[in-house]
Amino acid sequence: MRRTHGYGGYYNGVYLRSSLEFAYAYYLNYYKIDWDYECEVYSLLDGTTYKPDFYIKEGEKIIKIVEIKGDARSNGKSGKRKIELYMEQYDTPIEMIGYKEILKIYQTEMPIRYHKAKSMWVEEYGAKLQVDVSGEKNPRFKAVVSEETKLKISQKAKQRFQDKEYKERLVKRLVEYNRKTGFASAKRLRSKRVEKKCENPKCNNVMTLTEAEAKRTKYCSTQCNLVSISSLGNEAQSKNRNQIRQQAKEFMIDWVKQNRELVLVTQYNKITTTLEELFKEVEVRFGIKDMRIISRSMFGEDRGRKALLEEFKRIAATT
C-alpha cells in the first residue's frame, strides 16, 4: 500500500501539507495577517536543525512561530525536544495549534466553519492526498545538515549494527514480515518490469514498473497528476466550479449596481480596501478569496485588478 501524507496543495503559491495548515493560512489571510511558511531553518545546540511551519511577521520581523499539528499536545519525543532546544536558544515565541484549536477559531472568529474550509481546500484549490513527498513537498526540503550531525548519524548507525542483539532483532523482524506476506517483497523483485511513459502530456518521464503497476499507474508523481487534472479537468468538478463562478459574477454585478457611487469613485490603487465589503461577501457566500479567481468569475480568465475595476465602473456608469 502506498503511504499517503494528508491533503497537500498550493495556496497563494505556497505548498501546504495538510487541511489544518490550509485552514490556518486561510484564517491569517482573512484577517490580513502577514505570514510566511517554512522560510527559516534554525540550527540547534545538539547539531540538528529545526524548520517550523508558520512565521507571523510585522514587516520583515518575525514576531511569532506557529506549529500546526493534528494534536497540539502530542508532537513526538524528537519534535518536543527540538522545540525545547529552540526555546532555549531563540527569543521568538512559539505556539502549538492543533485540530481542536483550529475548530475553535472557525467557530468563534470565522464566517465559515472548518468543514467548509476543508472542502474549499479540495474543490477550489485542488488539494490531493499526498503520495509523493519529494522535492519541496518534503518537510526537510532545503534543510541544511551540518557535518557534525552527519557524523553523529553515521556513528549511531555503526554502533547499532555492532550490537548483536539489535542484529538478531532485525533479522527476526524481516523473517516474520516475509512469512506474513508470503515473501511478497521477494516475489516483486522477480516480477517482470516494463517501461511506461507518464500520461501527463507536459512530462517526458519514463517509469519502470511491474506489469500490474503499469495497468493502474498513469502518472509518475502526484504533481503530474495535479497538472493533468488542471489541464484536462474533471467534468463534474468543472461544471460545479463554473456554476459557482457564474453565481458570484451575478452577485458582483448586482452589488456594483446597488453601490454605483462608491464604485465610480474607487481609485485603481485602492480597489481592495475601497471594495472590501464586496470581496468579503464573495468569500463568505461563494468561498472565493483569490483575486485571480474573482477575475476569472467575471471574464472567464484572469485579466487583473485594473480590468476588473474598469468593468465594475462600466456597469455602474450604465446603471
C-alpha atoms as a PDB file:
ATOM      1  CA  MET A   1       0.000   0.000   0.000  1.00  0.00           C
ATOM      2  CA  ARG A   2       1.295   3.437  -0.900  1.00  0.00           C
ATOM      3  CA  ARG A   3       1.537   5.678   2.116  1.00  0.00           C
ATOM      4  CA  THR A   4      -0.322   8.984   1.965  1.00  0.00           C
ATOM      5  CA  HIS A   5       0.506  12.141   3.891  1.00  0.00           C
ATOM      6  CA  GLY A   6      -2.770  14.107   4.097  1.00  0.00           C
ATOM      7  CA  TYR A   7      -4.193  16.604   1.605  1.00  0.00           C
ATOM      8  CA  GLY A   8      -1.470  18.764   0.111  1.00  0.00           C
ATOM      9  CA  GLY A   9      -1.662  21.520  -2.472  1.00  0.00           C
ATOM     10  CA  TYR A  10      -0.832  25.098  -3.397  1.00  0.00           C
ATOM     11  CA  TYR A  11      -2.440  28.115  -1.746  1.00  0.00           C
ATOM     12  CA  ASN A  12      -1.314  31.557  -2.931  1.00  0.00           C
ATOM     13  CA  GLY A  13       1.802  29.972  -4.422  1.00  0.00           C
ATOM     14  CA  VAL A  14       2.772  28.134  -1.200  1.00  0.00           C
ATOM     15  CA  TYR A  15       2.695  24.327  -0.965  1.00  0.00           C
ATOM     16  CA  LEU A  16       0.859  23.355   2.249  1.00  0.00           C
ATOM     17  CA  ARG A  17       0.895  19.788   3.563  1.00  0.00           C
ATOM     18  CA  SER A  18      -2.478  19.409   5.286  1.00  0.00           C
ATOM     19  CA  SER A  19      -6.042  20.693   5.581  1.00  0.00           C
ATOM     20  CA  LEU A  20      -5.196  22.127   9.014  1.00  0.00           C
ATOM     21  CA  GLU A  21      -2.303  24.136   7.560  1.00  0.00           C
ATOM     22  CA  PHE A  22      -4.577  25.465   4.801  1.00  0.00           C
ATOM     23  CA  ALA A  23      -7.288  26.364   7.338  1.00  0.00           C
ATOM     24  CA  TYR A  24      -4.770  28.316   9.419  1.00  0.00           C
ATOM     25  CA  ALA A  25      -3.293  30.091   6.368  1.00  0.00           C
ATOM     26  CA  TYR A  26      -6.813  30.959   5.174  1.00  0.00           C
ATOM     27  CA  TYR A  27      -7.604  32.370   8.628  1.00  0.00           C
ATOM     28  CA  LEU A  28      -4.444  34.527   8.564  1.00  0.00           C
ATOM     29  CA  ASN A  29      -5.297  35.873   5.112  1.00  0.00           C
ATOM     30  CA  TYR A  30      -8.872  36.607   6.142  1.00  0.00           C
ATOM     31  CA  TYR A  31      -7.583  38.939   8.872  1.00  0.00           C
ATOM     32  CA  LYS A  32      -4.755  40.245   6.636  1.00  0.00           C
ATOM     33  CA  ILE A  33      -2.052  38.932   8.963  1.00  0.00           C
ATOM     34  CA  ASP A  34       1.353  38.810   7.275  1.00  0.00           C
ATOM     35  CA  TRP A  35       2.834  35.292   7.322  1.00  0.00           C
ATOM     36  CA  ASP A  36       5.413  33.059   5.722  1.00  0.00           C
ATOM     37  CA  TYR A  37       5.797  29.289   5.594  1.00  0.00           C
ATOM     38  CA  GLU A  38       8.884  27.186   6.310  1.00  0.00           C
ATOM     39  CA  CYS A  39      11.135  30.094   5.339  1.00  0.00           C
ATOM     40  CA  GLU A  40      13.792  29.707   8.070  1.00  0.00           C
ATOM     41  CA  VAL A  41      15.885  26.772   9.274  1.00  0.00           C
ATOM     42  CA  TYR A  42      17.275  27.075  12.820  1.00  0.00           C
ATOM     43  CA  SER A  43      20.467  25.338  13.961  1.00  0.00           C
ATOM     44  CA  LEU A  44      20.127  23.712  17.383  1.00  0.00           C
ATOM     45  CA  LEU A  45      22.692  23.014  20.091  1.00  0.00           C
ATOM     46  CA  ASP A  46      22.565  19.229  19.552  1.00  0.00           C
ATOM     47  CA  GLY A  47      23.696  19.614  15.930  1.00  0.00           C
ATOM     48  CA  THR A  48      20.217  19.107  14.432  1.00  0.00           C
ATOM     49  CA  THR A  49      18.061  21.691  12.666  1.00  0.00           C
ATOM     50  CA  TYR A  50      14.510  22.889  13.210  1.00  0.00           C
ATOM     51  CA  LYS A  51      12.189  24.189  10.478  1.00  0.00           C
ATOM     52  CA  PRO A  52       8.842  25.452  11.903  1.00  0.00           C
ATOM     53  CA  ASP A  53       5.590  25.718   9.916  1.00  0.00           C
ATOM     54  CA  PHE A  54       4.313  29.315  10.087  1.00  0.00           C
ATOM     55  CA  TYR A  55       6.095  32.597  10.749  1.00  0.00           C
ATOM     56  CA  ILE A  56       3.883  35.540  11.798  1.00  0.00           C
ATOM     57  CA  LYS A  57       5.528  38.769  10.689  1.00  0.00           C
ATOM     58  CA  GLU A  58       5.408  42.516  11.138  1.00  0.00           C
ATOM     59  CA  GLY A  59       7.250  43.917   8.173  1.00  0.00           C
ATOM     60  CA  GLU A  60      10.457  41.890   7.910  1.00  0.00           C
ATOM     61  CA  LYS A  61      10.461  40.919  11.597  1.00  0.00           C
ATOM     62  CA  ILE A  62       9.236  37.500  12.735  1.00  0.00           C
ATOM     63  CA  ILE A  63       7.139  38.101  15.869  1.00  0.00           C
ATOM     64  CA  LYS A  64       5.810  34.564  16.440  1.00  0.00           C
ATOM     65  CA  ILE A  65       6.252  30.996  15.221  1.00  0.00           C
ATOM     66  CA  VAL A  66       3.284  28.641  14.923  1.00  0.00           C
ATOM     67  CA  GLU A  67       3.458  24.844  14.642  1.00  0.00           C
ATOM     68  CA  ILE A  68       0.373  23.120  13.213  1.00  0.00           C
ATOM     69  CA  LYS A  69      -0.173  19.552  14.448  1.00  0.00           C
ATOM     70  CA  GLY A  70      -3.097  17.121  14.316  1.00  0.00           C
ATOM     71  CA  ASP A  71      -2.979  17.089  18.093  1.00  0.00           C
ATOM     72  CA  ALA A  72      -1.152  20.064  19.582  1.00  0.00           C
ATOM     73  CA  ARG A  73      -0.415  18.126  22.771  1.00  0.00           C
ATOM     74  CA  SER A  74       1.411  15.226  21.102  1.00  0.00           C
ATOM     75  CA  ASN A  75       4.319  16.069  18.857  1.00  0.00           C
ATOM     76  CA  GLY A  76       6.552  13.049  19.417  1.00  0.00           C
ATOM     77  CA  LYS A  77       9.684  12.927  21.586  1.00  0.00           C
ATOM     78  CA  SER A  78      12.020  14.254  18.875  1.00  0.00           C
ATOM     79  CA  GLY A  79       9.594  17.071  17.979  1.00  0.00           C
ATOM     80  CA  LYS A  80       9.195  18.146  21.592  1.00  0.00           C
ATOM     81  CA  ARG A  81      12.952  18.027  22.108  1.00  0.00           C
ATOM     82  CA  LYS A  82      13.521  20.279  19.074  1.00  0.00           C
ATOM     83  CA  ILE A  83      11.001  22.811  20.366  1.00  0.00           C
ATOM     84  CA  GLU A  84      12.632  22.770  23.827  1.00  0.00           C
ATOM     85  CA  LEU A  85      16.073  23.342  22.290  1.00  0.00           C
ATOM     86  CA  TYR A  86      14.709  26.125  20.106  1.00  0.00           C
ATOM     87  CA  MET A  87      13.165  27.890  23.106  1.00  0.00           C
ATOM     88  CA  GLU A  88      16.487  27.674  24.982  1.00  0.00           C
ATOM     89  CA  GLN A  89      18.359  29.361  22.116  1.00  0.00           C
ATOM     90  CA  TYR A  90      15.925  31.793  20.493  1.00  0.00           C
ATOM     91  CA  ASP A  91      13.652  34.564  21.803  1.00  0.00           C
ATOM     92  CA  THR A  92      10.845  34.429  19.221  1.00  0.00           C
ATOM     93  CA  PRO A  93       7.766  32.900  20.940  1.00  0.00           C
ATOM     94  CA  ILE A  94       6.336  29.645  19.584  1.00  0.00           C
ATOM     95  CA  GLU A  95       2.708  28.443  19.693  1.00  0.00           C
ATOM     96  CA  MET A  96       1.339  24.941  19.087  1.00  0.00           C
ATOM     97  CA  ILE A  97      -2.034  24.793  17.312  1.00  0.00           C
ATOM     98  CA  GLY A  98      -3.897  21.532  16.746  1.00  0.00           C
ATOM     99  CA  TYR A  99      -7.206  20.293  15.380  1.00  0.00           C
ATOM    100  CA  LYS A 100      -9.243  21.432  18.402  1.00  0.00           C
ATOM    101  CA  GLU A 101      -7.733  24.910  18.313  1.00  0.00           C
ATOM    102  CA  ILE A 102      -8.489  25.270  14.577  1.00  0.00           C
ATOM    103  CA  LEU A 103     -12.091  24.165  15.177  1.00  0.00           C
ATOM    104  CA  LYS A 104     -12.473  26.807  17.893  1.00  0.00           C
ATOM    105  CA  ILE A 105     -11.003  29.525  15.661  1.00  0.00           C
ATOM    106  CA  TYR A 106     -13.507  28.720  12.913  1.00  0.00           C
ATOM    107  CA  GLN A 107     -16.406  28.535  15.379  1.00  0.00           C
ATOM    108  CA  THR A 108     -15.689  31.873  17.051  1.00  0.00           C
ATOM    109  CA  GLU A 109     -13.698  34.037  14.642  1.00  0.00           C
ATOM    110  CA  MET A 110     -14.536  32.991  11.065  1.00  0.00           C
ATOM    111  CA  PRO A 111     -17.696  33.405   8.922  1.00  0.00           C
ATOM    112  CA  ILE A 112     -17.418  29.783   7.736  1.00  0.00           C
ATOM    113  CA  ARG A 113     -16.827  26.505   9.588  1.00  0.00           C
ATOM    114  CA  TYR A 114     -13.748  24.310   9.360  1.00  0.00           C
ATOM    115  CA  HIS A 115     -15.512  21.623   7.298  1.00  0.00           C
ATOM    116  CA  LYS A 116     -16.295  24.299   4.664  1.00  0.00           C
ATOM    117  CA  ALA A 117     -12.648  25.393   4.576  1.00  0.00           C
ATOM    118  CA  LYS A 118     -11.594  21.757   4.217  1.00  0.00           C
ATOM    119  CA  SER A 119     -13.991  21.326   1.260  1.00  0.00           C
ATOM    120  CA  MET A 120     -12.635  24.507  -0.346  1.00  0.00           C
ATOM    121  CA  TRP A 121      -9.086  23.162   0.031  1.00  0.00           C
ATOM    122  CA  VAL A 122     -10.000  20.187  -2.160  1.00  0.00           C
ATOM    123  CA  GLU A 123     -12.629  21.636  -4.519  1.00  0.00           C
ATOM    124  CA  GLU A 124     -11.418  25.205  -5.089  1.00  0.00           C
ATOM    125  CA  TYR A 125      -7.663  24.818  -4.678  1.00  0.00           C
ATOM    126  CA  GLY A 126      -7.273  21.238  -5.966  1.00  0.00           C
ATOM    127  CA  ALA A 127      -5.609  19.704  -2.894  1.00  0.00           C
ATOM    128  CA  LYS A 128      -4.934  15.979  -3.246  1.00  0.00           C
ATOM    129  CA  LEU A 129      -3.884  13.137  -0.983  1.00  0.00           C
ATOM    130  CA  GLN A 130      -0.105  13.215  -0.940  1.00  0.00           C
ATOM    131  CA  VAL A 131       1.839  10.174  -2.012  1.00  0.00           C
ATOM    132  CA  ASP A 132       4.885  11.888  -3.450  1.00  0.00           C
ATOM    133  CA  VAL A 133       6.766  13.827  -0.764  1.00  0.00           C
ATOM    134  CA  SER A 134       9.853  14.508  -2.832  1.00  0.00           C
ATOM    135  CA  GLY A 135      11.363  17.936  -3.504  1.00  0.00           C
ATOM    136  CA  GLU A 136       9.645  20.950  -1.956  1.00  0.00           C
ATOM    137  CA  LYS A 137       6.812  18.724  -0.674  1.00  0.00           C
ATOM    138  CA  ASN A 138       9.238  17.183   1.826  1.00  0.00           C
ATOM    139  CA  PRO A 139       9.307  18.941   5.224  1.00  0.00           C
ATOM    140  CA  ARG A 140      13.111  18.579   5.156  1.00  0.00           C
ATOM    141  CA  PHE A 141      13.372  20.329   1.756  1.00  0.00           C
ATOM    142  CA  LYS A 142      16.394  22.694   1.694  1.00  0.00           C
ATOM    143  CA  ALA A 143      17.201  21.827   5.307  1.00  0.00           C
ATOM    144  CA  VAL A 144      20.967  22.027   5.762  1.00  0.00           C
ATOM    145  CA  VAL A 145      22.519  19.193   7.764  1.00  0.00           C
ATOM    146  CA  SER A 146      25.820  20.100   9.398  1.00  0.00           C
ATOM    147  CA  GLU A 147      28.868  17.866   9.123  1.00  0.00           C
ATOM    148  CA  GLU A 148      28.652  17.351  12.880  1.00  0.00           C
ATOM    149  CA  THR A 149      25.101  15.984  12.517  1.00  0.00           C
ATOM    150  CA  LYS A 150      26.134  13.703   9.649  1.00  0.00           C
ATOM    151  CA  LEU A 151      28.958  12.331  11.775  1.00  0.00           C
ATOM    152  CA  LYS A 152      26.590  11.671  14.713  1.00  0.00           C
ATOM    153  CA  ILE A 153      24.143   9.811  12.448  1.00  0.00           C
ATOM    154  CA  SER A 154      26.962   7.726  10.978  1.00  0.00           C
ATOM    155  CA  GLN A 155      28.372   6.858  14.399  1.00  0.00           C
ATOM    156  CA  LYS A 156      24.950   5.856  15.762  1.00  0.00           C
ATOM    157  CA  ALA A 157      24.287   3.629  12.746  1.00  0.00           C
ATOM    158  CA  LYS A 158      27.650   1.888  13.146  1.00  0.00           C
ATOM    159  CA  GLN A 159      27.088   1.366  16.871  1.00  0.00           C
ATOM    160  CA  ARG A 160      23.631  -0.051  16.215  1.00  0.00           C
ATOM    161  CA  PHE A 161      24.868  -2.620  13.714  1.00  0.00           C
ATOM    162  CA  GLN A 162      27.687  -3.687  16.026  1.00  0.00           C
ATOM    163  CA  ASP A 163      25.070  -4.642  18.598  1.00  0.00           C
ATOM    164  CA  LYS A 164      24.481  -8.384  18.286  1.00  0.00           C
ATOM    165  CA  GLU A 165      21.080  -8.215  19.964  1.00  0.00           C
ATOM    166  CA  TYR A 166      19.945  -5.500  17.537  1.00  0.00           C
ATOM    167  CA  LYS A 167      21.072  -7.582  14.536  1.00  0.00           C
ATOM    168  CA  GLU A 168      19.169 -10.608  15.773  1.00  0.00           C
ATOM    169  CA  ARG A 169      16.063  -8.498  16.342  1.00  0.00           C
ATOM    170  CA  LEU A 170      16.295  -7.014  12.847  1.00  0.00           C
ATOM    171  CA  VAL A 171      16.731 -10.410  11.169  1.00  0.00           C
ATOM    172  CA  LYS A 172      13.815 -11.822  13.175  1.00  0.00           C
ATOM    173  CA  ARG A 173      11.538  -8.966  12.078  1.00  0.00           C
ATOM    174  CA  LEU A 174      12.499  -9.421   8.427  1.00  0.00           C
ATOM    175  CA  VAL A 175      11.812 -13.148   8.583  1.00  0.00           C
ATOM    176  CA  GLU A 176       8.441 -12.565  10.311  1.00  0.00           C
ATOM    177  CA  TYR A 177       7.473  -9.940   7.741  1.00  0.00           C
ATOM    178  CA  ASN A 178       8.360 -12.184   4.804  1.00  0.00           C
ATOM    179  CA  ARG A 179       6.443 -15.118   6.282  1.00  0.00           C
ATOM    180  CA  LYS A 180       3.421 -12.919   6.967  1.00  0.00           C
ATOM    181  CA  THR A 181       3.363 -11.510   3.430  1.00  0.00           C
ATOM    182  CA  GLY A 182       4.225 -14.799   1.740  1.00  0.00           C
ATOM    183  CA  PHE A 183       7.618 -13.414   0.743  1.00  0.00           C
ATOM    184  CA  ALA A 184       5.830 -10.733  -1.320  1.00  0.00           C
ATOM    185  CA  SER A 185       8.889  -8.499  -1.454  1.00  0.00           C
ATOM    186  CA  ALA A 186      10.995 -11.293  -2.933  1.00  0.00           C
ATOM    187  CA  LYS A 187       8.285 -12.074  -5.472  1.00  0.00           C
ATOM    188  CA  ARG A 188       8.078  -8.438  -6.502  1.00  0.00           C
ATOM    189  CA  LEU A 189      11.769  -8.426  -7.256  1.00  0.00           C
ATOM    190  CA  ARG A 190      11.276 -11.336  -9.673  1.00  0.00           C
ATOM    191  CA  SER A 191       8.291  -9.691 -11.391  1.00  0.00           C
ATOM    192  CA  LYS A 192       8.810  -8.578 -14.962  1.00  0.00           C
ATOM    193  CA  ARG A 193       9.440  -4.859 -15.407  1.00  0.00           C
ATOM    194  CA  VAL A 194       8.046  -2.731 -18.226  1.00  0.00           C
ATOM    195  CA  GLU A 195       8.571   0.874 -19.246  1.00  0.00           C
ATOM    196  CA  LYS A 196       5.631   3.263 -19.375  1.00  0.00           C
ATOM    197  CA  LYS A 197       5.558   6.945 -20.248  1.00  0.00           C
ATOM    198  CA  CYS A 198       3.865   9.356 -17.846  1.00  0.00           C
ATOM    199  CA  GLU A 199       0.417  10.296 -19.197  1.00  0.00           C
ATOM    200  CA  ASN A 200       0.865  13.953 -18.341  1.00  0.00           C
ATOM    201  CA  PRO A 201       1.454  15.477 -21.826  1.00  0.00           C
ATOM    202  CA  LYS A 202       3.877  18.026 -20.350  1.00  0.00           C
ATOM    203  CA  CYS A 203       6.084  15.357 -18.744  1.00  0.00           C
ATOM    204  CA  ASN A 204       8.626  13.193 -20.572  1.00  0.00           C
ATOM    205  CA  ASN A 205       9.445  10.860 -17.678  1.00  0.00           C
ATOM    206  CA  VAL A 206       9.522   7.129 -18.398  1.00  0.00           C
ATOM    207  CA  MET A 207       8.634   4.897 -15.439  1.00  0.00           C
ATOM    208  CA  THR A 208       9.939   1.381 -14.820  1.00  0.00           C
ATOM    209  CA  LEU A 209       7.077  -0.626 -13.321  1.00  0.00           C
ATOM    210  CA  THR A 210       5.836  -4.145 -12.841  1.00  0.00           C
ATOM    211  CA  GLU A 211       3.137  -5.223 -15.290  1.00  0.00           C
ATOM    212  CA  ALA A 212       0.492  -4.936 -12.549  1.00  0.00           C
ATOM    213  CA  GLU A 213       1.658  -1.430 -11.593  1.00  0.00           C
ATOM    214  CA  ALA A 214       1.714  -0.344 -15.244  1.00  0.00           C
ATOM    215  CA  LYS A 215      -2.006  -1.184 -15.578  1.00  0.00           C
ATOM    216  CA  ARG A 216      -3.061   1.080 -12.709  1.00  0.00           C
ATOM    217  CA  THR A 217      -0.387   3.811 -12.794  1.00  0.00           C
ATOM    218  CA  LYS A 218      -0.913   6.794 -15.076  1.00  0.00           C
ATOM    219  CA  TYR A 219       1.445   9.416 -13.715  1.00  0.00           C
ATOM    220  CA  CYS A 220       4.998   9.436 -12.406  1.00  0.00           C
ATOM    221  CA  SER A 221       4.136  11.714  -9.463  1.00  0.00           C
ATOM    222  CA  THR A 222       1.281  13.416  -7.659  1.00  0.00           C
ATOM    223  CA  GLN A 223       2.384  16.716  -9.201  1.00  0.00           C
ATOM    224  CA  CYS A 224       1.918  15.306 -12.706  1.00  0.00           C
ATOM    225  CA  ASN A 225      -1.491  14.023 -11.670  1.00  0.00           C
ATOM    226  CA  LEU A 226      -2.490  17.505 -10.429  1.00  0.00           C
ATOM    227  CA  VAL A 227      -1.158  19.202 -13.580  1.00  0.00           C
ATOM    228  CA  SER A 228      -3.049  16.754 -15.768  1.00  0.00           C
ATOM    229  CA  ILE A 229      -6.287  17.261 -13.830  1.00  0.00           C
ATOM    230  CA  SER A 230      -5.784  21.014 -14.060  1.00  0.00           C
ATOM    231  CA  SER A 231      -5.294  20.926 -17.846  1.00  0.00           C
ATOM    232  CA  LEU A 232      -7.833  18.288 -18.782  1.00  0.00           C
ATOM    233  CA  GLY A 233     -10.305  18.954 -15.962  1.00  0.00           C
ATOM    234  CA  ASN A 234     -12.754  16.755 -14.222  1.00  0.00           C
ATOM    235  CA  GLU A 235     -16.101  17.287 -15.948  1.00  0.00           C
ATOM    236  CA  ALA A 236     -18.261  17.160 -12.823  1.00  0.00           C
ATOM    237  CA  GLN A 237     -15.987  19.387 -10.727  1.00  0.00           C
ATOM    238  CA  SER A 238     -15.539  21.818 -13.607  1.00  0.00           C
ATOM    239  CA  LYS A 239     -19.308  22.132 -14.069  1.00  0.00           C
ATOM    240  CA  ASN A 240     -19.818  22.796 -10.343  1.00  0.00           C
ATOM    241  CA  ARG A 241     -16.963  25.312 -10.264  1.00  0.00           C
ATOM    242  CA  ASN A 242     -18.361  27.161 -13.302  1.00  0.00           C
ATOM    243  CA  GLN A 243     -21.804  27.339 -11.677  1.00  0.00           C
ATOM    244  CA  ILE A 244     -20.304  28.861  -8.503  1.00  0.00           C
ATOM    245  CA  ARG A 245     -18.330  31.405 -10.514  1.00  0.00           C
ATOM    246  CA  GLN A 246     -21.402  32.348 -12.566  1.00  0.00           C
ATOM    247  CA  GLN A 247     -23.369  32.902  -9.355  1.00  0.00           C
ATOM    248  CA  ALA A 248     -20.502  35.003  -7.987  1.00  0.00           C
ATOM    249  CA  LYS A 249     -20.462  37.070 -11.187  1.00  0.00           C
ATOM    250  CA  GLU A 250     -24.214  37.749 -10.972  1.00  0.00           C
ATOM    251  CA  PHE A 251     -23.880  38.715  -7.308  1.00  0.00           C
ATOM    252  CA  MET A 252     -20.997  41.128  -8.048  1.00  0.00           C
ATOM    253  CA  ILE A 253     -22.937  42.808 -10.870  1.00  0.00           C
ATOM    254  CA  ASP A 254     -25.954  43.320  -8.576  1.00  0.00           C
ATOM    255  CA  TRP A 255     -23.706  44.660  -5.795  1.00  0.00           C
ATOM    256  CA  VAL A 256     -21.998  47.106  -8.172  1.00  0.00           C
ATOM    257  CA  LYS A 257     -25.385  48.399  -9.355  1.00  0.00           C
ATOM    258  CA  GLN A 258     -26.542  48.922  -5.770  1.00  0.00           C
ATOM    259  CA  ASN A 259     -23.271  50.664  -4.809  1.00  0.00           C
ATOM    260  CA  ARG A 260     -22.605  52.514  -8.071  1.00  0.00           C
ATOM    261  CA  GLU A 261     -21.486  55.782  -6.409  1.00  0.00           C
ATOM    262  CA  LEU A 262     -18.820  54.016  -4.350  1.00  0.00           C
ATOM    263  CA  VAL A 263     -17.589  52.071  -7.392  1.00  0.00           C
ATOM    264  CA  LEU A 264     -17.334  55.192  -9.571  1.00  0.00           C
ATOM    265  CA  VAL A 265     -15.057  56.994  -7.097  1.00  0.00           C
ATOM    266  CA  THR A 266     -12.868  53.950  -6.379  1.00  0.00           C
ATOM    267  CA  GLN A 267      -9.216  54.551  -7.281  1.00  0.00           C
ATOM    268  CA  TYR A 268      -7.267  51.899  -9.163  1.00  0.00           C
ATOM    269  CA  ASN A 269      -4.629  51.623  -6.454  1.00  0.00           C
ATOM    270  CA  LYS A 270      -7.251  51.195  -3.689  1.00  0.00           C
ATOM    271  CA  ILE A 271      -9.632  48.622  -5.141  1.00  0.00           C
ATOM    272  CA  THR A 272      -9.054  46.071  -2.352  1.00  0.00           C
ATOM    273  CA  THR A 273      -9.628  48.461   0.540  1.00  0.00           C
ATOM    274  CA  THR A 274     -12.464  50.523  -1.001  1.00  0.00           C
ATOM    275  CA  LEU A 275     -14.424  47.483  -2.179  1.00  0.00           C
ATOM    276  CA  GLU A 276     -13.507  45.328   0.825  1.00  0.00           C
ATOM    277  CA  GLU A 277     -17.183  44.725   1.673  1.00  0.00           C
ATOM    278  CA  LEU A 278     -17.820  43.250  -1.801  1.00  0.00           C
ATOM    279  CA  PHE A 279     -14.834  40.912  -1.692  1.00  0.00           C
ATOM    280  CA  LYS A 280     -15.666  39.681   1.820  1.00  0.00           C
ATOM    281  CA  GLU A 281     -19.238  38.944   0.729  1.00  0.00           C
ATOM    282  CA  VAL A 282     -17.933  36.980  -2.283  1.00  0.00           C
ATOM    283  CA  GLU A 283     -15.652  34.981   0.007  1.00  0.00           C
ATOM    284  CA  VAL A 284     -18.368  34.217   2.569  1.00  0.00           C
ATOM    285  CA  ARG A 285     -21.067  33.371   0.006  1.00  0.00           C
ATOM    286  CA  PHE A 286     -19.016  31.502  -2.587  1.00  0.00           C
ATOM    287  CA  GLY A 287     -15.719  30.607  -0.863  1.00  0.00           C
ATOM    288  CA  ILE A 288     -13.716  32.707  -3.348  1.00  0.00           C
ATOM    289  CA  LYS A 289     -10.988  34.966  -1.980  1.00  0.00           C
ATOM    290  CA  ASP A 290      -8.179  34.929  -4.545  1.00  0.00           C
ATOM    291  CA  MET A 291      -8.424  37.995  -6.815  1.00  0.00           C
ATOM    292  CA  ARG A 292      -7.403  35.858  -9.785  1.00  0.00           C
ATOM    293  CA  ILE A 293     -10.426  33.596  -9.240  1.00  0.00           C
ATOM    294  CA  ILE A 294     -12.680  36.647  -8.838  1.00  0.00           C
ATOM    295  CA  SER A 295     -11.359  37.988 -12.152  1.00  0.00           C
ATOM    296  CA  ARG A 296     -11.971  34.616 -13.801  1.00  0.00           C
ATOM    297  CA  SER A 297     -15.521  34.657 -12.470  1.00  0.00           C
ATOM    298  CA  MET A 298     -16.148  37.975 -14.220  1.00  0.00           C
ATOM    299  CA  PHE A 299     -14.298  37.405 -17.505  1.00  0.00           C
ATOM    300  CA  GLY A 300     -13.694  33.660 -17.786  1.00  0.00           C
ATOM    301  CA  GLU A 301      -9.978  34.413 -17.459  1.00  0.00           C
ATOM    302  CA  ASP A 302      -7.663  36.350 -15.165  1.00  0.00           C
ATOM    303  CA  ARG A 303      -7.324  39.908 -16.516  1.00  0.00           C
ATOM    304  CA  GLY A 304      -6.039  41.525 -13.342  1.00  0.00           C
ATOM    305  CA  ARG A 305      -7.426  44.066 -10.883  1.00  0.00           C
ATOM    306  CA  LYS A 306      -7.365  47.047 -13.245  1.00  0.00           C
ATOM    307  CA  ALA A 307      -9.569  45.319 -15.808  1.00  0.00           C
ATOM    308  CA  LEU A 308     -11.872  44.164 -13.014  1.00  0.00           C
ATOM    309  CA  LEU A 309     -12.378  47.704 -11.703  1.00  0.00           C
ATOM    310  CA  GLU A 310     -12.844  49.033 -15.259  1.00  0.00           C
ATOM    311  CA  GLU A 311     -15.663  46.503 -15.752  1.00  0.00           C
ATOM    312  CA  PHE A 312     -17.217  47.467 -12.411  1.00  0.00           C
ATOM    313  CA  LYS A 313     -17.099  51.180 -13.392  1.00  0.00           C
ATOM    314  CA  ARG A 314     -18.613  50.416 -16.805  1.00  0.00           C
ATOM    315  CA  ILE A 315     -21.535  48.550 -15.150  1.00  0.00           C
ATOM    316  CA  ALA A 316     -22.010  51.348 -12.585  1.00  0.00           C
ATOM    317  CA  ALA A 317     -21.944  54.070 -15.263  1.00  0.00           C
ATOM    318  CA  THR A 318     -24.629  52.374 -17.370  1.00  0.00           C
ATOM    319  CA  THR A 319     -26.933  51.705 -14.419  1.00  0.00           C
END
